[in-house]
Amino acid sequence: MDWNRVEGSWKQMKGKVKEQWGKLTDDDLDVIDGKRDQLEGKIQERYGYGKDRARKDIDDWYSRQTW
């Protein structure tokens, strides 16, 4: 998985991330700034997921993206 695509186009991706994980705030998205580990942490925090669940959800979301 090439997460650099997400980091490079974070401003465009924020809307898609917000659609998937609506509990993330705009401030959360600014802090995340395209960093996968930050996204995992915020998903865990907001949804009460474990690390493995957050990682799997991100992987599933990423695989559905059309570039």
PDB file of N, CA and C in Angstrom:
ATOM      1  N   MET A   1       0.851  -1.178   0.000  1.00  0.00           N
ATOM      2  CA  MET A   1       0.000   0.000   0.000  1.00  0.00           C
ATOM      3  C   MET A   1       0.897   1.243   0.000  1.00  0.00           C
ATOM      4  N   ASP A   2       0.591   2.167  -0.863  1.00  0.00           N
ATOM      5  CA  ASP A   2       1.375   3.388  -0.986  1.00  0.00           C
ATOM      6  C   ASP A   2       0.635   4.549  -0.335  1.00  0.00           C
ATOM      7  N   TRP A   3       0.831   4.698   0.962  1.00  0.00           N
ATOM      8  CA  TRP A   3       0.121   5.726   1.717  1.00  0.00           C
ATOM      9  C   TRP A   3       0.545   7.121   1.279  1.00  0.00           C
ATOM     10  N   ASN A   4       1.663   7.241   0.575  1.00  0.00           N
ATOM     11  CA  ASN A   4       2.126   8.554   0.107  1.00  0.00           C
ATOM     12  C   ASN A   4       1.080   9.239  -0.760  1.00  0.00           C
ATOM     13  N   ARG A   5       0.267   8.468  -1.452  1.00  0.00           N
ATOM     14  CA  ARG A   5      -0.806   9.049  -2.263  1.00  0.00           C
ATOM     15  C   ARG A   5      -1.789   9.813  -1.386  1.00  0.00           C
ATOM     16  N   VAL A   6      -2.112   9.242  -0.243  1.00  0.00           N
ATOM     17  CA  VAL A   6      -3.044   9.893   0.675  1.00  0.00           C
ATOM     18  C   VAL A   6      -2.402  11.156   1.251  1.00  0.00           C
ATOM     19  N   GLU A   7      -1.156  11.026   1.705  1.00  0.00           N
ATOM     20  CA  GLU A   7      -0.472  12.184   2.278  1.00  0.00           C
ATOM     21  C   GLU A   7      -0.364  13.314   1.263  1.00  0.00           C
ATOM     22  N   GLY A   8      -0.040  12.975   0.021  1.00  0.00           N
ATOM     23  CA  GLY A   8       0.160  13.974  -1.010  1.00  0.00           C
ATOM     24  C   GLY A   8      -1.102  14.709  -1.416  1.00  0.00           C
ATOM     25  N   SER A   9      -2.234  14.053  -1.245  1.00  0.00           N
ATOM     26  CA  SER A   9      -3.500  14.682  -1.643  1.00  0.00           C
ATOM     27  C   SER A   9      -4.449  14.793  -0.449  1.00  0.00           C
ATOM     28  N   TRP A  10      -3.887  15.066   0.724  1.00  0.00           N
ATOM     29  CA  TRP A  10      -4.674  15.065   1.957  1.00  0.00           C
ATOM     30  C   TRP A  10      -5.843  16.029   1.910  1.00  0.00           C
ATOM     31  N   LYS A  11      -5.642  17.215   1.336  1.00  0.00           N
ATOM     32  CA  LYS A  11      -6.737  18.184   1.304  1.00  0.00           C
ATOM     33  C   LYS A  11      -7.938  17.615   0.561  1.00  0.00           C
ATOM     34  N   GLN A  12      -7.706  16.883  -0.511  1.00  0.00           N
ATOM     35  CA  GLN A  12      -8.803  16.265  -1.257  1.00  0.00           C
ATOM     36  C   GLN A  12      -9.348  15.036  -0.522  1.00  0.00           C
ATOM     37  N   MET A  13      -8.477  14.336   0.167  1.00  0.00           N
ATOM     38  CA  MET A  13      -8.877  13.092   0.827  1.00  0.00           C
ATOM     39  C   MET A  13      -9.653  13.339   2.119  1.00  0.00           C
ATOM     40  N   LYS A  14      -9.508  14.505   2.714  1.00  0.00           N
ATOM     41  CA  LYS A  14     -10.176  14.767   3.996  1.00  0.00           C
ATOM     42  C   LYS A  14     -11.682  14.549   3.903  1.00  0.00           C
ATOM     43  N   GLY A  15     -12.280  14.936   2.805  1.00  0.00           N
ATOM     44  CA  GLY A  15     -13.717  14.741   2.643  1.00  0.00           C
ATOM     45  C   GLY A  15     -14.095  13.273   2.620  1.00  0.00           C
ATOM     46  N   LYS A  16     -13.287  12.469   1.944  1.00  0.00           N
ATOM     47  CA  LYS A  16     -13.557  11.030   1.883  1.00  0.00           C
ATOM     48  C   LYS A  16     -13.356  10.376   3.246  1.00  0.00           C
ATOM     49  N   VAL A  17     -12.353  10.836   3.968  1.00  0.00           N
ATOM     50  CA  VAL A  17     -12.106  10.308   5.310  1.00  0.00           C
ATOM     51  C   VAL A  17     -13.279  10.666   6.216  1.00  0.00           C
ATOM     52  N   LYS A  18     -13.748  11.897   6.100  1.00  0.00           N
ATOM     53  CA  LYS A  18     -14.870  12.366   6.931  1.00  0.00           C
ATOM     54  C   LYS A  18     -16.151  11.579   6.605  1.00  0.00           C
ATOM     55  N   GLU A  19     -16.351  11.232   5.322  1.00  0.00           N
ATOM     56  CA  GLU A  19     -17.516  10.410   4.955  1.00  0.00           C
ATOM     57  C   GLU A  19     -17.454   9.050   5.634  1.00  0.00           C
ATOM     58  N   GLN A  20     -16.269   8.464   5.679  1.00  0.00           N
ATOM     59  CA  GLN A  20     -16.100   7.132   6.256  1.00  0.00           C
ATOM     60  C   GLN A  20     -16.156   7.160   7.778  1.00  0.00           C
ATOM     61  N   TRP A  21     -15.499   8.136   8.368  1.00  0.00           N
ATOM     62  CA  TRP A  21     -15.410   8.227   9.828  1.00  0.00           C
ATOM     63  C   TRP A  21     -15.942   9.582  10.270  1.00  0.00           C
ATOM     64  N   GLY A  22     -17.239   9.697  10.335  1.00  0.00           N
ATOM     65  CA  GLY A  22     -17.911  10.960  10.616  1.00  0.00           C
ATOM     66  C   GLY A  22     -17.675  11.522  12.007  1.00  0.00           C
ATOM     67  N   LYS A  23     -17.195  10.691  12.923  1.00  0.00           N
ATOM     68  CA  LYS A  23     -16.925  11.194  14.272  1.00  0.00           C
ATOM     69  C   LYS A  23     -15.635  11.992  14.345  1.00  0.00           C
ATOM     70  N   LEU A  24     -14.829  11.939  13.282  1.00  0.00           N
ATOM     71  CA  LEU A  24     -13.605  12.735  13.266  1.00  0.00           C
ATOM     72  C   LEU A  24     -13.961  14.183  12.968  1.00  0.00           C
ATOM     73  N   THR A  25     -13.404  15.084  13.738  1.00  0.00           N
ATOM     74  CA  THR A  25     -13.697  16.507  13.561  1.00  0.00           C
ATOM     75  C   THR A  25     -12.736  17.114  12.539  1.00  0.00           C
ATOM     76  N   ASP A  26     -13.055  18.317  12.097  1.00  0.00           N
ATOM     77  CA  ASP A  26     -12.150  19.031  11.199  1.00  0.00           C
ATOM     78  C   ASP A  26     -10.800  19.266  11.879  1.00  0.00           C
ATOM     79  N   ASP A  27     -10.834  19.539  13.172  1.00  0.00           N
ATOM     80  CA  ASP A  27      -9.580  19.709  13.916  1.00  0.00           C
ATOM     81  C   ASP A  27      -8.779  18.410  13.935  1.00  0.00           C
ATOM     82  N   ASP A  28      -9.469  17.270  14.106  1.00  0.00           N
ATOM     83  CA  ASP A  28      -8.790  15.972  14.044  1.00  0.00           C
ATOM     84  C   ASP A  28      -8.095  15.811  12.702  1.00  0.00           C
ATOM     85  N   LEU A  29      -8.813  16.138  11.634  1.00  0.00           N
ATOM     86  CA  LEU A  29      -8.268  15.958  10.292  1.00  0.00           C
ATOM     87  C   LEU A  29      -7.067  16.870  10.057  1.00  0.00           C
ATOM     88  N   ASP A  30      -7.090  18.061  10.635  1.00  0.00           N
ATOM     89  CA  ASP A  30      -5.941  18.959  10.518  1.00  0.00           C
ATOM     90  C   ASP A  30      -4.734  18.391  11.258  1.00  0.00           C
ATOM     91  N   VAL A  31      -4.959  17.810  12.422  1.00  0.00           N
ATOM     92  CA  VAL A  31      -3.872  17.214  13.200  1.00  0.00           C
ATOM     93  C   VAL A  31      -3.322  15.979  12.480  1.00  0.00           C
ATOM     94  N   ILE A  32      -4.203  15.165  11.935  1.00  0.00           N
ATOM     95  CA  ILE A  32      -3.800  13.942  11.235  1.00  0.00           C
ATOM     96  C   ILE A  32      -2.899  14.286  10.054  1.00  0.00           C
ATOM     97  N   ASP A  33      -3.292  15.291   9.285  1.00  0.00           N
ATOM     98  CA  ASP A  33      -2.483  15.809   8.173  1.00  0.00           C
ATOM     99  C   ASP A  33      -1.945  14.711   7.255  1.00  0.00           C
ATOM    100  N   GLY A  34      -2.747  13.688   7.030  1.00  0.00           N
ATOM    101  CA  GLY A  34      -2.367  12.633   6.096  1.00  0.00           C
ATOM    102  C   GLY A  34      -1.524  11.524   6.685  1.00  0.00           C
ATOM    103  N   LYS A  35      -1.173  11.618   7.940  1.00  0.00           N
ATOM    104  CA  LYS A  35      -0.323  10.606   8.577  1.00  0.00           C
ATOM    105  C   LYS A  35      -1.166   9.418   9.013  1.00  0.00           C
ATOM    106  N   ARG A  36      -0.810   8.262   8.524  1.00  0.00           N
ATOM    107  CA  ARG A  36      -1.590   7.063   8.800  1.00  0.00           C
ATOM    108  C   ARG A  36      -1.637   6.735  10.292  1.00  0.00           C
ATOM    109  N   ASP A  37      -0.505   6.826  10.979  1.00  0.00           N
ATOM    110  CA  ASP A  37      -0.502   6.485  12.407  1.00  0.00           C
ATOM    111  C   ASP A  37      -1.396   7.432  13.205  1.00  0.00           C
ATOM    112  N   GLN A  38      -1.437   8.700  12.790  1.00  0.00           N
ATOM    113  CA  GLN A  38      -2.324   9.659  13.449  1.00  0.00           C
ATOM    114  C   GLN A  38      -3.791   9.307  13.185  1.00  0.00           C
ATOM    115  N   LEU A  39      -4.083   8.903  11.954  1.00  0.00           N
ATOM    116  CA  LEU A  39      -5.449   8.505  11.605  1.00  0.00           C
ATOM    117  C   LEU A  39      -5.864   7.285  12.421  1.00  0.00           C
ATOM    118  N   GLU A  40      -4.993   6.303  12.508  1.00  0.00           N
ATOM    119  CA  GLU A  40      -5.297   5.113  13.316  1.00  0.00           C
ATOM    120  C   GLU A  40      -5.602   5.500  14.764  1.00  0.00           C
ATOM    121  N   GLY A  41      -4.777   6.359  15.316  1.00  0.00           N
ATOM    122  CA  GLY A  41      -4.962   6.771  16.710  1.00  0.00           C
ATOM    123  C   GLY A  41      -6.273   7.500  16.938  1.00  0.00           C
ATOM    124  N   LYS A  42      -6.627   8.400  16.020  1.00  0.00           N
ATOM    125  CA  LYS A  42      -7.877   9.162  16.179  1.00  0.00           C
ATOM    126  C   LYS A  42      -9.095   8.256  16.011  1.00  0.00           C
ATOM    127  N   ILE A  43      -9.015   7.297  15.108  1.00  0.00           N
ATOM    128  CA  ILE A  43     -10.124   6.351  14.942  1.00  0.00           C
ATOM    129  C   ILE A  43     -10.278   5.526  16.217  1.00  0.00           C
ATOM    130  N   GLN A  44      -9.171   5.078  16.773  1.00  0.00           N
ATOM    131  CA  GLN A  44      -9.236   4.327  18.033  1.00  0.00           C
ATOM    132  C   GLN A  44      -9.874   5.169  19.129  1.00  0.00           C
ATOM    133  N   GLU A  45      -9.464   6.407  19.205  1.00  0.00           N
ATOM    134  CA  GLU A  45      -9.957   7.312  20.246  1.00  0.00           C
ATOM    135  C   GLU A  45     -11.444   7.600  20.082  1.00  0.00           C
ATOM    136  N   ARG A  46     -11.875   7.948  18.891  1.00  0.00           N
ATOM    137  CA  ARG A  46     -13.266   8.357  18.660  1.00  0.00           C
ATOM    138  C   ARG A  46     -14.240   7.188  18.647  1.00  0.00           C
ATOM    139  N   TYR A  47     -13.796   6.028  18.165  1.00  0.00           N
ATOM    140  CA  TYR A  47     -14.696   4.888  18.013  1.00  0.00           C
ATOM    141  C   TYR A  47     -14.475   3.790  19.047  1.00  0.00           C
ATOM    142  N   GLY A  48     -13.427   3.893  19.831  1.00  0.00           N
ATOM    143  CA  GLY A  48     -13.153   2.881  20.839  1.00  0.00           C
ATOM    144  C   GLY A  48     -12.656   1.575  20.239  1.00  0.00           C
ATOM    145  N   TYR A  49     -12.076   1.647  19.058  1.00  0.00           N
ATOM    146  CA  TYR A  49     -11.552   0.455  18.388  1.00  0.00           C
ATOM    147  C   TYR A  49     -10.154   0.137  18.898  1.00  0.00           C
ATOM    148  N   GLY A  50      -9.796  -1.146  18.778  1.00  0.00           N
ATOM    149  CA  GLY A  50      -8.425  -1.550  19.026  1.00  0.00           C
ATOM    150  C   GLY A  50      -7.571  -1.217  17.815  1.00  0.00           C
ATOM    151  N   LYS A  51      -6.268  -1.306  17.990  1.00  0.00           N
ATOM    152  CA  LYS A  51      -5.330  -0.962  16.920  1.00  0.00           C
ATOM    153  C   LYS A  51      -5.561  -1.815  15.674  1.00  0.00           C
ATOM    154  N   ASP A  52      -5.764  -3.120  15.864  1.00  0.00           N
ATOM    155  CA  ASP A  52      -5.966  -4.016  14.715  1.00  0.00           C
ATOM    156  C   ASP A  52      -7.228  -3.660  13.945  1.00  0.00           C
ATOM    157  N   ARG A  53      -8.292  -3.348  14.657  1.00  0.00           N
ATOM    158  CA  ARG A  53      -9.556  -2.974  13.990  1.00  0.00           C
ATOM    159  C   ARG A  53      -9.390  -1.684  13.201  1.00  0.00           C
ATOM    160  N   ALA A  54      -8.746  -0.692  13.800  1.00  0.00           N
ATOM    161  CA  ALA A  54      -8.524   0.583  13.113  1.00  0.00           C
ATOM    162  C   ALA A  54      -7.674   0.363  11.865  1.00  0.00           C
ATOM    163  N   ARG A  55      -6.629  -0.424  11.987  1.00  0.00           N
ATOM    164  CA  ARG A  55      -5.742  -0.696  10.845  1.00  0.00           C
ATOM    165  C   ARG A  55      -6.502  -1.395   9.727  1.00  0.00           C
ATOM    166  N   LYS A  56      -7.313  -2.383  10.080  1.00  0.00           N
ATOM    167  CA  LYS A  56      -8.087  -3.113   9.071  1.00  0.00           C
ATOM    168  C   LYS A  56      -9.092  -2.193   8.380  1.00  0.00           C
ATOM    169  N   ASP A  57      -9.768  -1.368   9.154  1.00  0.00           N
ATOM    170  CA  ASP A  57     -10.736  -0.436   8.566  1.00  0.00           C
ATOM    171  C   ASP A  57     -10.062   0.527   7.596  1.00  0.00           C
ATOM    172  N   ILE A  58      -8.891   1.012   7.960  1.00  0.00           N
ATOM    173  CA  ILE A  58      -8.157   1.915   7.067  1.00  0.00           C
ATOM    174  C   ILE A  58      -7.729   1.183   5.809  1.00  0.00           C
ATOM    175  N   ASP A  59      -7.226  -0.037   5.960  1.00  0.00           N
ATOM    176  CA  ASP A  59      -6.835  -0.837   4.787  1.00  0.00           C
ATOM    177  C   ASP A  59      -8.024  -1.060   3.858  1.00  0.00           C
ATOM    178  N   ASP A  60      -9.171  -1.412   4.428  1.00  0.00           N
ATOM    179  CA  ASP A  60     -10.377  -1.641   3.623  1.00  0.00           C
ATOM    180  C   ASP A  60     -10.801  -0.363   2.907  1.00  0.00           C
ATOM    181  N   TRP A  61     -10.779   0.751   3.623  1.00  0.00           N
ATOM    182  CA  TRP A  61     -11.148   2.040   3.032  1.00  0.00           C
ATOM    183  C   TRP A  61     -10.193   2.396   1.898  1.00  0.00           C
ATOM    184  N   TYR A  62      -8.899   2.234   2.148  1.00  0.00           N
ATOM    185  CA  TYR A  62      -7.891   2.574   1.150  1.00  0.00           C
ATOM    186  C   TYR A  62      -8.083   1.749  -0.134  1.00  0.00           C
ATOM    187  N   SER A  63      -8.365   0.462   0.043  1.00  0.00           N
ATOM    188  CA  SER A  63      -8.519  -0.411  -1.135  1.00  0.00           C
ATOM    189  C   SER A  63      -9.724  -0.052  -1.979  1.00  0.00           C
ATOM    190  N   ARG A  64     -10.703   0.643  -1.406  1.00  0.00           N
ATOM    191  CA  ARG A  64     -11.902   1.051  -2.160  1.00  0.00           C
ATOM    192  C   ARG A  64     -11.732   2.383  -2.880  1.00  0.00           C
ATOM    193  N   GLN A  65     -10.633   3.070  -2.628  1.00  0.00           N
ATOM    194  CA  GLN A  65     -10.445   4.387  -3.241  1.00  0.00           C
ATOM    195  C   GLN A  65     -10.099   4.233  -4.719  1.00  0.00           C
ATOM    196  N   THR A  66     -10.654   5.115  -5.503  1.00  0.00           N
ATOM    197  CA  THR A  66     -10.317   5.139  -6.932  1.00  0.00           C
ATOM    198  C   THR A  66      -9.413   6.324  -7.175  1.00  0.00           C
ATOM    199  N   TRP A  67      -8.301   6.066  -7.757  1.00  0.00           N
ATOM    200  CA  TRP A  67      -7.311   7.110  -7.968  1.00  0.00           C
ATOM    201  C   TRP A  67      -7.382   7.492  -9.407  1.00  0.00           C
TER     202      TRP A  67
END
